[in-house]
Structure formats: structure tokens, C-alpha cells
Protein backbone atom coordinates (compact mmCIF):
# COMPACT_ATOMS: atom_id res chain seq x y z
CA ILE A 1 -65.69 33.26 -15.72
CA ALA A 2 -67.94 33.07 -18.49
CA LEU A 3 -69.71 30.33 -17.19
CA ASN A 4 -70.19 31.88 -13.84
CA LEU A 5 -72.03 35.21 -15.62
CA ALA A 6 -74.34 33.12 -17.89
CA SER A 7 -75.35 31.18 -14.68
CA ILE A 8 -76.30 34.85 -13.05
CA SER A 9 -78.50 35.38 -16.16
CA TYR A 10 -79.82 31.87 -16.23
CA MET A 11 -81.16 32.41 -12.42
CA MET A 12 -83.77 34.77 -13.63
CA ALA A 13 -84.70 32.41 -16.40
CA THR A 14 -85.37 29.64 -14.11
CA GLY A 15 -87.22 32.10 -11.89
CA LEU A 16 -89.39 32.87 -15.17
CA ALA A 17 -89.69 29.12 -15.72
CA ALA A 18 -91.23 28.29 -12.23
CA SER A 19 -93.71 31.30 -12.99
CA ALA A 20 -94.24 29.64 -16.32
CA THR A 21 -95.06 26.11 -14.75
CA ILE A 22 -97.61 27.48 -12.24
CA ARG A 23 -99.45 30.11 -14.34
CA VAL A 24 -99.80 27.48 -17.22
CA GLY A 25 -100.78 24.66 -14.83
CA ASN A 26 -103.43 26.92 -13.40
CA GLN A 27 -105.17 28.02 -16.57
CA LEU A 28 -105.02 24.18 -17.34
CA GLY A 29 -106.75 23.23 -14.38
CA ARG A 30 -109.39 26.33 -14.83
CA ASN A 31 -109.48 24.94 -18.56
CA ASP A 32 -108.88 28.24 -19.70
CA ILE A 33 -106.90 27.61 -22.55
CA ARG A 34 -106.74 30.99 -24.27
CA THR A 35 -104.97 32.69 -20.82
CA LEU A 36 -102.95 29.49 -20.63
CA ARG A 37 -101.49 30.34 -24.16
CA GLU A 38 -101.17 34.10 -23.29
CA ALA A 39 -99.73 33.08 -19.99
CA GLY A 40 -96.94 30.71 -21.90
CA PHE A 41 -96.07 33.33 -24.50
CA THR A 42 -96.15 36.25 -22.03
CA VAL A 43 -93.18 34.49 -19.92
CA PHE A 44 -91.47 33.58 -23.32
CA ILE A 45 -91.54 36.93 -24.16
CA MET A 46 -90.53 38.11 -21.06
CA VAL A 47 -87.23 35.82 -20.70
CA ALA A 48 -86.53 36.76 -24.36
CA MET A 49 -86.22 40.38 -23.55
CA PHE A 50 -84.27 39.87 -20.31
CA MET A 51 -81.75 37.45 -22.03
CA SER A 52 -81.18 39.50 -24.82
CA VAL A 53 -80.29 42.39 -22.51
CA SER A 54 -77.95 39.72 -20.93
CA ALA A 55 -76.88 39.02 -24.30
CA PHE A 56 -76.00 42.54 -25.02
CA ILE A 57 -74.41 43.07 -21.94
CA PHE A 58 -71.90 40.15 -22.21
CA ILE A 59 -70.86 41.03 -25.61
CA VAL A 60 -70.38 45.10 -25.20
CA PHE A 61 -68.62 44.33 -21.67
CA ARG A 62 -66.90 40.92 -22.83
CA GLU A 63 -63.26 42.54 -21.63
CA PHE A 64 -64.73 44.61 -18.69
CA LEU A 65 -66.65 41.77 -16.82
CA PRO A 66 -63.90 39.06 -16.68
CA SER A 67 -61.74 41.89 -15.29
CA LEU A 68 -64.05 41.95 -12.18
CA TYR A 69 -62.91 38.38 -11.40
CA ILE A 70 -59.19 38.35 -12.16
CA ASP A 71 -56.19 40.49 -13.57
CA ASP A 72 -54.44 38.10 -15.51
CA ALA A 73 -54.79 39.35 -19.06
CA GLN A 74 -54.90 35.97 -20.83
CA VAL A 75 -57.56 34.83 -18.86
CA ILE A 76 -59.62 38.01 -19.55
CA GLN A 77 -58.96 37.34 -23.16
CA MET A 78 -60.40 33.98 -23.21
CA SER A 79 -63.16 34.78 -21.26
CA ALA A 80 -64.03 38.05 -23.42
CA VAL A 81 -64.05 35.34 -26.51
CA LEU A 82 -66.26 32.81 -24.29
CA LEU A 83 -68.93 35.92 -23.38
CA VAL A 84 -69.29 36.28 -26.99
CA ILE A 85 -70.58 33.03 -27.42
CA ALA A 86 -72.41 32.72 -24.10
CA GLY A 87 -73.72 36.14 -25.36
CA PHE A 88 -75.69 34.18 -28.28
CA PHE A 89 -76.44 31.35 -26.36
CA GLN A 90 -78.11 33.72 -23.62
CA LEU A 91 -81.39 33.66 -25.66
CA SER A 92 -81.46 30.23 -26.41
CA ASP A 93 -81.09 29.10 -22.78
CA GLY A 94 -83.85 31.60 -21.44
CA ILE A 95 -86.31 30.02 -24.01
CA GLN A 96 -85.60 26.44 -23.32
CA VAL A 97 -85.91 26.70 -19.59
CA VAL A 98 -89.17 28.48 -19.71
CA GLY A 99 -90.09 25.62 -22.68
CA LEU A 100 -89.55 23.33 -19.97
CA GLY A 101 -91.40 25.20 -17.25
CA ALA A 102 -94.44 26.09 -19.51
CA LEU A 103 -94.68 22.45 -20.69
CA ARG A 104 -94.08 20.86 -17.12
CA GLY A 105 -97.33 23.04 -16.41
CA MET A 106 -98.85 21.17 -19.05
CA ALA A 107 -98.20 17.96 -17.71
CA ASP A 108 -95.86 17.33 -20.60
CA VAL A 109 -92.32 16.10 -19.72
CA LYS A 110 -91.71 12.87 -21.42
CA ILE A 111 -91.16 14.58 -24.89
CA PRO A 112 -89.37 17.22 -23.39
CA THR A 113 -86.81 15.22 -21.66
CA ILE A 114 -86.28 13.53 -24.88
CA VAL A 115 -85.78 16.68 -26.37
CA THR A 116 -83.10 17.89 -24.27
CA LEU A 117 -81.47 14.63 -24.21
CA VAL A 118 -81.13 14.21 -27.73
CA ALA A 119 -80.26 18.06 -28.41
CA TYR A 120 -77.61 18.02 -25.65
CA TRP A 121 -75.99 14.47 -25.48
CA VAL A 122 -76.69 13.33 -29.11
CA ILE A 123 -76.01 16.83 -31.13
CA GLY A 124 -74.49 19.32 -28.65
CA LEU A 125 -72.07 17.53 -27.12
CA PRO A 126 -70.69 15.49 -29.55
CA GLY A 127 -70.87 18.56 -31.91
CA GLY A 128 -68.58 20.13 -29.62
CA TYR A 129 -66.19 17.28 -29.05
CA VAL A 130 -65.44 17.45 -32.74
CA LEU A 131 -65.35 20.78 -33.21
CA ALA A 132 -62.82 21.06 -30.18
CA PHE A 133 -60.95 18.29 -31.01
CA SER A 134 -61.24 17.32 -34.76
CA PHE A 135 -61.27 20.59 -35.85
CA GLY A 136 -58.73 22.05 -33.39
CA MET A 137 -60.95 24.74 -31.86
CA GLY A 138 -60.45 24.03 -28.21
CA GLU A 139 -62.67 25.47 -25.59
CA ILE A 140 -64.68 27.63 -28.36
CA GLY A 141 -65.54 24.40 -30.26
CA ILE A 142 -67.11 23.15 -26.87
CA TRP A 143 -68.90 26.15 -26.33
CA ILE A 144 -70.58 26.14 -29.73
CA GLY A 145 -71.56 23.16 -29.22
CA LEU A 146 -73.37 23.88 -26.04
CA LEU A 147 -74.76 26.84 -28.44
CA THR A 148 -75.93 24.44 -30.74
CA GLY A 149 -77.98 21.96 -28.17
CA LEU A 150 -79.53 25.02 -26.38
CA SER A 151 -80.53 26.30 -29.71
CA ILE A 152 -82.31 23.07 -30.91
CA THR A 153 -83.88 22.64 -27.52
CA GLY A 154 -85.11 26.02 -27.00
CA ALA A 155 -86.65 26.00 -30.82
CA MET A 156 -88.09 22.70 -30.45
CA LEU A 157 -89.82 23.59 -26.67
CA LEU A 158 -91.27 26.70 -27.87
CA TRP A 159 -92.67 24.86 -31.12
CA ARG A 160 -94.03 21.95 -28.79
CA PHE A 161 -95.88 24.69 -26.43
CA HIS A 162 -97.40 26.30 -29.33
CA VAL A 163 -98.90 23.17 -31.13
CA LEU A 164 -99.76 21.66 -27.82
CA SER A 165 -101.52 24.66 -26.56
CA ARG A 166 -102.97 25.13 -29.97
CA LYS A 167 -104.45 21.71 -29.94
CA LEU A 168 -106.27 22.37 -26.72
CA LEU A 169 -107.35 25.69 -28.07
CA VAL A 170 -108.84 24.03 -31.01
CA ARG A 171 -110.45 21.34 -29.00
CA ARG A 172 -111.82 23.73 -26.34
CA GLN A 173 -113.66 25.54 -29.23
CA ALA A 174 -114.88 22.42 -30.59
CA ASP A 175 -116.61 21.60 -27.51
CA ASN A 176 -117.87 24.96 -27.10
CA LEU A 177 -119.60 24.76 -30.45
CA SER A 178 -121.25 21.24 -30.10
CA LEU A 179 -122.74 22.28 -26.86
CA ALA A 180 -124.20 24.97 -28.46
């Protein structure tokens, strides 16, 4: 139930990621790096706002939302706990998917793929396994591992977009000065 609800908000983030790919790629093709950065950061802000609202809804209505799916009190309670964690990873999940989209628009796919691979398969999944089974946290531990992987990925991809687009901007400004 919690994953299904998180998937609903993720659809909006995925749409924003597609728009980031198109807008950033378009501005890169025009060699308008200032607008490329504006477009990219605008989509990051949009997804952060939307996913923050989703997180708020998940946390505040954590017991009501599962009741739309099922009447079993035990399932509703477990879903409510997982919805709190899902609420926390909403922002990271949105940022990471938009980061992938914005970087794809800059034709940067190799490093983001490595970042996501390491964050999910080397840190998040094993961390979730350890929390779930070694520390006895069960499904909550697995979801905390997911939260960790998404948070690392989101932070790294946002940082990478900033660094790469900043380099392009500085290079463009240097080229303009040399032409003057």
C-alpha cells in the first residue's frame, strides 16, 4: 500500500524529469547555458515543492490513506508506519529522478548510472538488509535502506548538475571574453 501510494506521486516526478531532459537538452543545443541552469533548477524546485506536499499528505494522513485500500487494522498500522518513511523519501526520490533527467539532457548518463548503482546496490540495499535482519527492524529496516539510497542519489545528482552546468557556464563566459 505504501509503495503504491509512493508510486502515484513518483509519476508526477517522472513527468517533470522528462521535461527536464527536454528543456536542458534544448538549451544545451542552443548553447544557452544560463537558461539551461535556470530550466534545470526550476524543475528541481518544482519537484521539491510537489514531493514535499506529497510527503506532508503521507505523514498527516498515514492512517487514513491505507484505509482506502483495506479494512484490516494490522495492515493499516504497518502501512501507516511505512508511509512515514515513504514521506521522508518523497523529496529524495523526486530530486533523484529529475537529476537523472536533467543530466540526460546534458548527455551525461555514465556517471549518474554509476552513482545510482552504488547508492542502491552497494549502500541502500545492503544497508536495508543489515537493518532488517541483523538489527531485527524487518520491513522498516529495508525501507530505511531505500531512503538512504534515494537520499544519496538525489544529493549526488543535484550536486553533479550544479557542477557540470557551472563548468559549462564558466567556459561559455571565458569564450565570450576571448572573442571580445
